[in-house]
């Protein structure tokens, strides 16, 4: 599925647009996904990740090495 964070696993939420007359139509709450490049010293190259805003904060807090190790353990292709 598109618009998914590789680190946190956040996906779009679904709901309704509610008009003034209270008619409801389907809508989608997309995740704030950004494409970020990080240099990973253990791999000796840069890695492109699709991260949500919260995912970027996780990488800042834990470090790219730890995050990449978890992704590889899960079998994510980098």
N, C-alpha and C. Protein backbone atom coordinates (compact mmCIF):
# COMPACT_ATOMS: atom_id res chain seq x y z
N UNK A 1 0.84 -1.18 0.00
CA UNK A 1 0.00 0.00 0.00
C UNK A 1 0.88 1.24 0.00
N UNK A 2 0.52 2.21 -0.78
CA UNK A 2 1.29 3.45 -0.82
C UNK A 2 1.05 4.25 0.45
N UNK A 3 1.85 5.28 0.64
CA UNK A 3 1.72 6.18 1.79
C UNK A 3 1.85 5.45 3.11
N UNK A 4 2.86 4.58 3.21
CA UNK A 4 3.11 3.83 4.44
C UNK A 4 4.51 4.14 4.93
N UNK A 5 4.66 4.35 6.22
CA UNK A 5 5.96 4.61 6.82
C UNK A 5 6.69 3.28 7.01
N UNK A 6 7.95 3.22 6.58
CA UNK A 6 8.73 1.99 6.70
C UNK A 6 9.15 1.70 8.13
N UNK A 7 9.27 2.72 8.96
CA UNK A 7 9.74 2.53 10.33
C UNK A 7 8.58 2.26 11.28
N UNK A 8 7.58 3.11 11.28
CA UNK A 8 6.50 2.98 12.25
C UNK A 8 5.33 2.14 11.74
N UNK A 9 5.24 1.96 10.43
CA UNK A 9 4.14 1.17 9.87
C UNK A 9 2.83 1.92 9.77
N UNK A 10 2.86 3.23 9.97
CA UNK A 10 1.62 4.01 9.89
C UNK A 10 1.06 3.96 8.47
N UNK A 11 -0.27 3.78 8.37
CA UNK A 11 -0.97 3.71 7.10
C UNK A 11 -2.09 4.73 7.09
N UNK A 12 -2.67 5.01 5.91
CA UNK A 12 -3.77 5.97 5.87
C UNK A 12 -4.96 5.51 6.70
N UNK A 13 -5.64 6.50 7.30
CA UNK A 13 -6.89 6.23 8.00
C UNK A 13 -8.03 6.61 7.08
N UNK A 14 -9.21 6.07 7.35
CA UNK A 14 -10.36 6.35 6.51
C UNK A 14 -11.47 6.94 7.34
N UNK A 15 -12.30 7.76 6.71
CA UNK A 15 -13.39 8.39 7.41
C UNK A 15 -14.36 9.00 6.42
N UNK A 16 -15.04 10.06 6.84
CA UNK A 16 -16.05 10.71 6.01
C UNK A 16 -15.80 12.21 5.93
N UNK A 17 -16.08 12.79 4.76
CA UNK A 17 -16.29 14.23 4.67
C UNK A 17 -17.71 14.44 5.15
N UNK A 18 -17.93 15.41 6.02
CA UNK A 18 -19.28 15.70 6.48
C UNK A 18 -19.62 17.11 6.04
N UNK A 19 -20.61 17.23 5.16
CA UNK A 19 -20.99 18.53 4.62
C UNK A 19 -21.86 19.28 5.62
N UNK A 20 -22.21 20.49 5.26
CA UNK A 20 -23.06 21.31 6.13
C UNK A 20 -24.42 20.63 6.36
N UNK A 21 -24.93 19.95 5.32
CA UNK A 21 -26.22 19.27 5.45
C UNK A 21 -26.06 17.88 6.06
N UNK A 22 -24.86 17.53 6.47
CA UNK A 22 -24.52 16.26 7.12
C UNK A 22 -24.53 15.06 6.20
N UNK A 23 -24.42 15.27 4.89
CA UNK A 23 -24.23 14.14 3.97
C UNK A 23 -22.79 13.68 4.11
N UNK A 24 -22.58 12.40 4.10
CA UNK A 24 -21.24 11.86 4.32
C UNK A 24 -20.72 11.18 3.06
N UNK A 25 -19.49 11.50 2.69
CA UNK A 25 -18.81 10.82 1.59
C UNK A 25 -17.46 10.35 2.10
N UNK A 26 -16.98 9.29 1.51
CA UNK A 26 -15.72 8.68 1.97
C UNK A 26 -14.54 9.61 1.72
N UNK A 27 -13.57 9.57 2.61
CA UNK A 27 -12.32 10.30 2.45
C UNK A 27 -11.20 9.50 3.07
N UNK A 28 -9.99 9.97 2.83
CA UNK A 28 -8.81 9.25 3.28
C UNK A 28 -7.88 10.23 3.99
N UNK A 29 -7.43 9.89 5.19
CA UNK A 29 -6.49 10.70 5.94
C UNK A 29 -5.10 10.14 5.67
N UNK A 30 -4.35 10.78 4.77
CA UNK A 30 -3.03 10.28 4.41
C UNK A 30 -2.01 10.60 5.49
N UNK A 31 -1.00 9.74 5.58
CA UNK A 31 0.11 9.92 6.51
C UNK A 31 1.09 10.90 5.87
N UNK A 32 1.73 11.72 6.69
CA UNK A 32 2.71 12.69 6.20
C UNK A 32 4.02 11.96 5.90
N UNK A 33 4.09 11.34 4.71
CA UNK A 33 5.24 10.53 4.33
C UNK A 33 6.22 11.35 3.51
N UNK A 34 7.49 11.31 3.91
CA UNK A 34 8.56 12.01 3.21
C UNK A 34 9.60 10.98 2.78
N UNK A 35 10.28 11.25 1.67
CA UNK A 35 11.40 10.40 1.25
C UNK A 35 12.67 11.03 1.77
N UNK A 36 13.41 10.29 2.60
CA UNK A 36 14.64 10.81 3.21
C UNK A 36 15.80 9.91 2.83
N UNK A 37 16.98 10.51 2.65
CA UNK A 37 18.20 9.75 2.40
C UNK A 37 19.10 9.86 3.61
N UNK A 38 19.60 8.72 4.07
CA UNK A 38 20.51 8.68 5.21
C UNK A 38 21.77 7.92 4.79
N UNK A 39 22.93 8.37 5.27
CA UNK A 39 24.16 7.63 5.06
C UNK A 39 24.32 6.64 6.20
N UNK A 40 24.50 5.36 5.85
CA UNK A 40 24.66 4.30 6.84
C UNK A 40 26.11 3.84 6.80
N UNK A 41 26.90 4.17 7.84
CA UNK A 41 28.33 3.82 7.82
C UNK A 41 28.59 2.32 7.73
N UNK A 42 27.75 1.49 8.38
CA UNK A 42 28.00 0.04 8.36
C UNK A 42 27.81 -0.54 6.95
N UNK A 43 26.91 0.05 6.16
CA UNK A 43 26.71 -0.40 4.78
C UNK A 43 27.65 0.32 3.82
N UNK A 44 28.15 1.48 4.23
CA UNK A 44 29.04 2.27 3.38
C UNK A 44 28.34 2.95 2.23
N UNK A 45 27.03 3.20 2.37
CA UNK A 45 26.27 3.85 1.30
C UNK A 45 25.06 4.57 1.88
N UNK A 46 24.37 5.31 1.03
CA UNK A 46 23.15 5.98 1.47
C UNK A 46 21.97 5.04 1.27
N UNK A 47 20.94 5.26 2.09
CA UNK A 47 19.72 4.46 2.04
C UNK A 47 18.56 5.43 1.93
N UNK A 48 17.62 5.15 0.99
CA UNK A 48 16.44 5.97 0.82
C UNK A 48 15.29 5.32 1.56
N UNK A 49 14.65 6.07 2.46
CA UNK A 49 13.53 5.53 3.25
C UNK A 49 12.30 6.41 3.07
N UNK A 50 11.12 5.78 3.08
CA UNK A 50 9.85 6.53 3.09
C UNK A 50 9.38 6.59 4.53
N UNK A 51 9.49 7.77 5.13
CA UNK A 51 9.23 7.92 6.56
C UNK A 51 8.13 8.93 6.82
N UNK A 52 7.34 8.66 7.85
CA UNK A 52 6.39 9.65 8.33
C UNK A 52 7.15 10.66 9.19
N UNK A 53 6.49 11.72 9.58
CA UNK A 53 7.13 12.72 10.43
C UNK A 53 7.56 12.09 11.75
N UNK A 54 6.74 11.20 12.29
CA UNK A 54 7.11 10.50 13.52
C UNK A 54 8.28 9.55 13.27
N UNK A 55 8.32 8.92 12.11
CA UNK A 55 9.42 8.02 11.76
C UNK A 55 10.75 8.74 11.70
N UNK A 56 10.75 9.98 11.22
CA UNK A 56 11.98 10.79 11.18
C UNK A 56 12.46 11.06 12.59
N UNK A 57 11.53 11.33 13.51
CA UNK A 57 11.89 11.56 14.90
C UNK A 57 12.44 10.29 15.55
N UNK A 58 11.91 9.14 15.17
CA UNK A 58 12.42 7.86 15.69
C UNK A 58 13.85 7.66 15.23
N UNK A 59 14.14 7.94 13.97
CA UNK A 59 15.51 7.81 13.46
C UNK A 59 16.44 8.77 14.19
N UNK A 60 15.99 9.98 14.44
CA UNK A 60 16.82 10.95 15.17
C UNK A 60 17.11 10.47 16.59
N UNK A 61 16.12 9.85 17.22
CA UNK A 61 16.29 9.42 18.62
C UNK A 61 17.12 8.15 18.74
N UNK A 62 16.83 7.15 17.92
CA UNK A 62 17.50 5.85 18.04
C UNK A 62 18.77 5.74 17.23
N UNK A 63 18.88 6.53 16.15
CA UNK A 63 20.04 6.44 15.27
C UNK A 63 19.73 5.57 14.07
N UNK A 64 20.35 5.91 12.94
CA UNK A 64 20.06 5.22 11.68
C UNK A 64 20.54 3.77 11.72
N UNK A 65 21.65 3.49 12.42
CA UNK A 65 22.17 2.12 12.47
C UNK A 65 21.16 1.17 13.12
N UNK A 66 20.58 1.60 14.23
CA UNK A 66 19.60 0.78 14.94
C UNK A 66 18.35 0.57 14.11
N UNK A 67 17.88 1.62 13.44
CA UNK A 67 16.67 1.53 12.63
C UNK A 67 16.89 0.60 11.43
N UNK A 68 18.05 0.74 10.78
CA UNK A 68 18.35 -0.11 9.63
C UNK A 68 18.47 -1.58 10.06
N UNK A 69 19.05 -1.82 11.22
CA UNK A 69 19.16 -3.19 11.73
C UNK A 69 17.77 -3.80 11.94
N UNK A 70 16.84 -3.02 12.50
CA UNK A 70 15.48 -3.51 12.70
C UNK A 70 14.77 -3.77 11.37
N UNK A 71 14.97 -2.88 10.40
CA UNK A 71 14.35 -3.06 9.08
C UNK A 71 14.87 -4.32 8.40
N UNK A 72 16.17 -4.56 8.49
CA UNK A 72 16.75 -5.75 7.87
C UNK A 72 16.28 -7.02 8.56
N UNK A 73 16.09 -6.97 9.87
CA UNK A 73 15.57 -8.10 10.62
C UNK A 73 14.14 -8.44 10.17
N UNK A 74 13.38 -7.40 9.82
CA UNK A 74 12.01 -7.60 9.34
C UNK A 74 11.96 -8.05 7.89
N UNK A 75 13.11 -7.97 7.19
CA UNK A 75 13.17 -8.40 5.79
C UNK A 75 12.85 -7.32 4.79
N UNK A 76 12.96 -6.07 5.19
CA UNK A 76 12.71 -4.95 4.28
C UNK A 76 13.90 -4.78 3.36
N UNK A 77 13.64 -4.65 2.06
CA UNK A 77 14.72 -4.46 1.07
C UNK A 77 15.19 -3.02 1.15
N UNK A 78 16.51 -2.82 1.34
CA UNK A 78 17.06 -1.46 1.41
C UNK A 78 17.94 -1.16 0.22
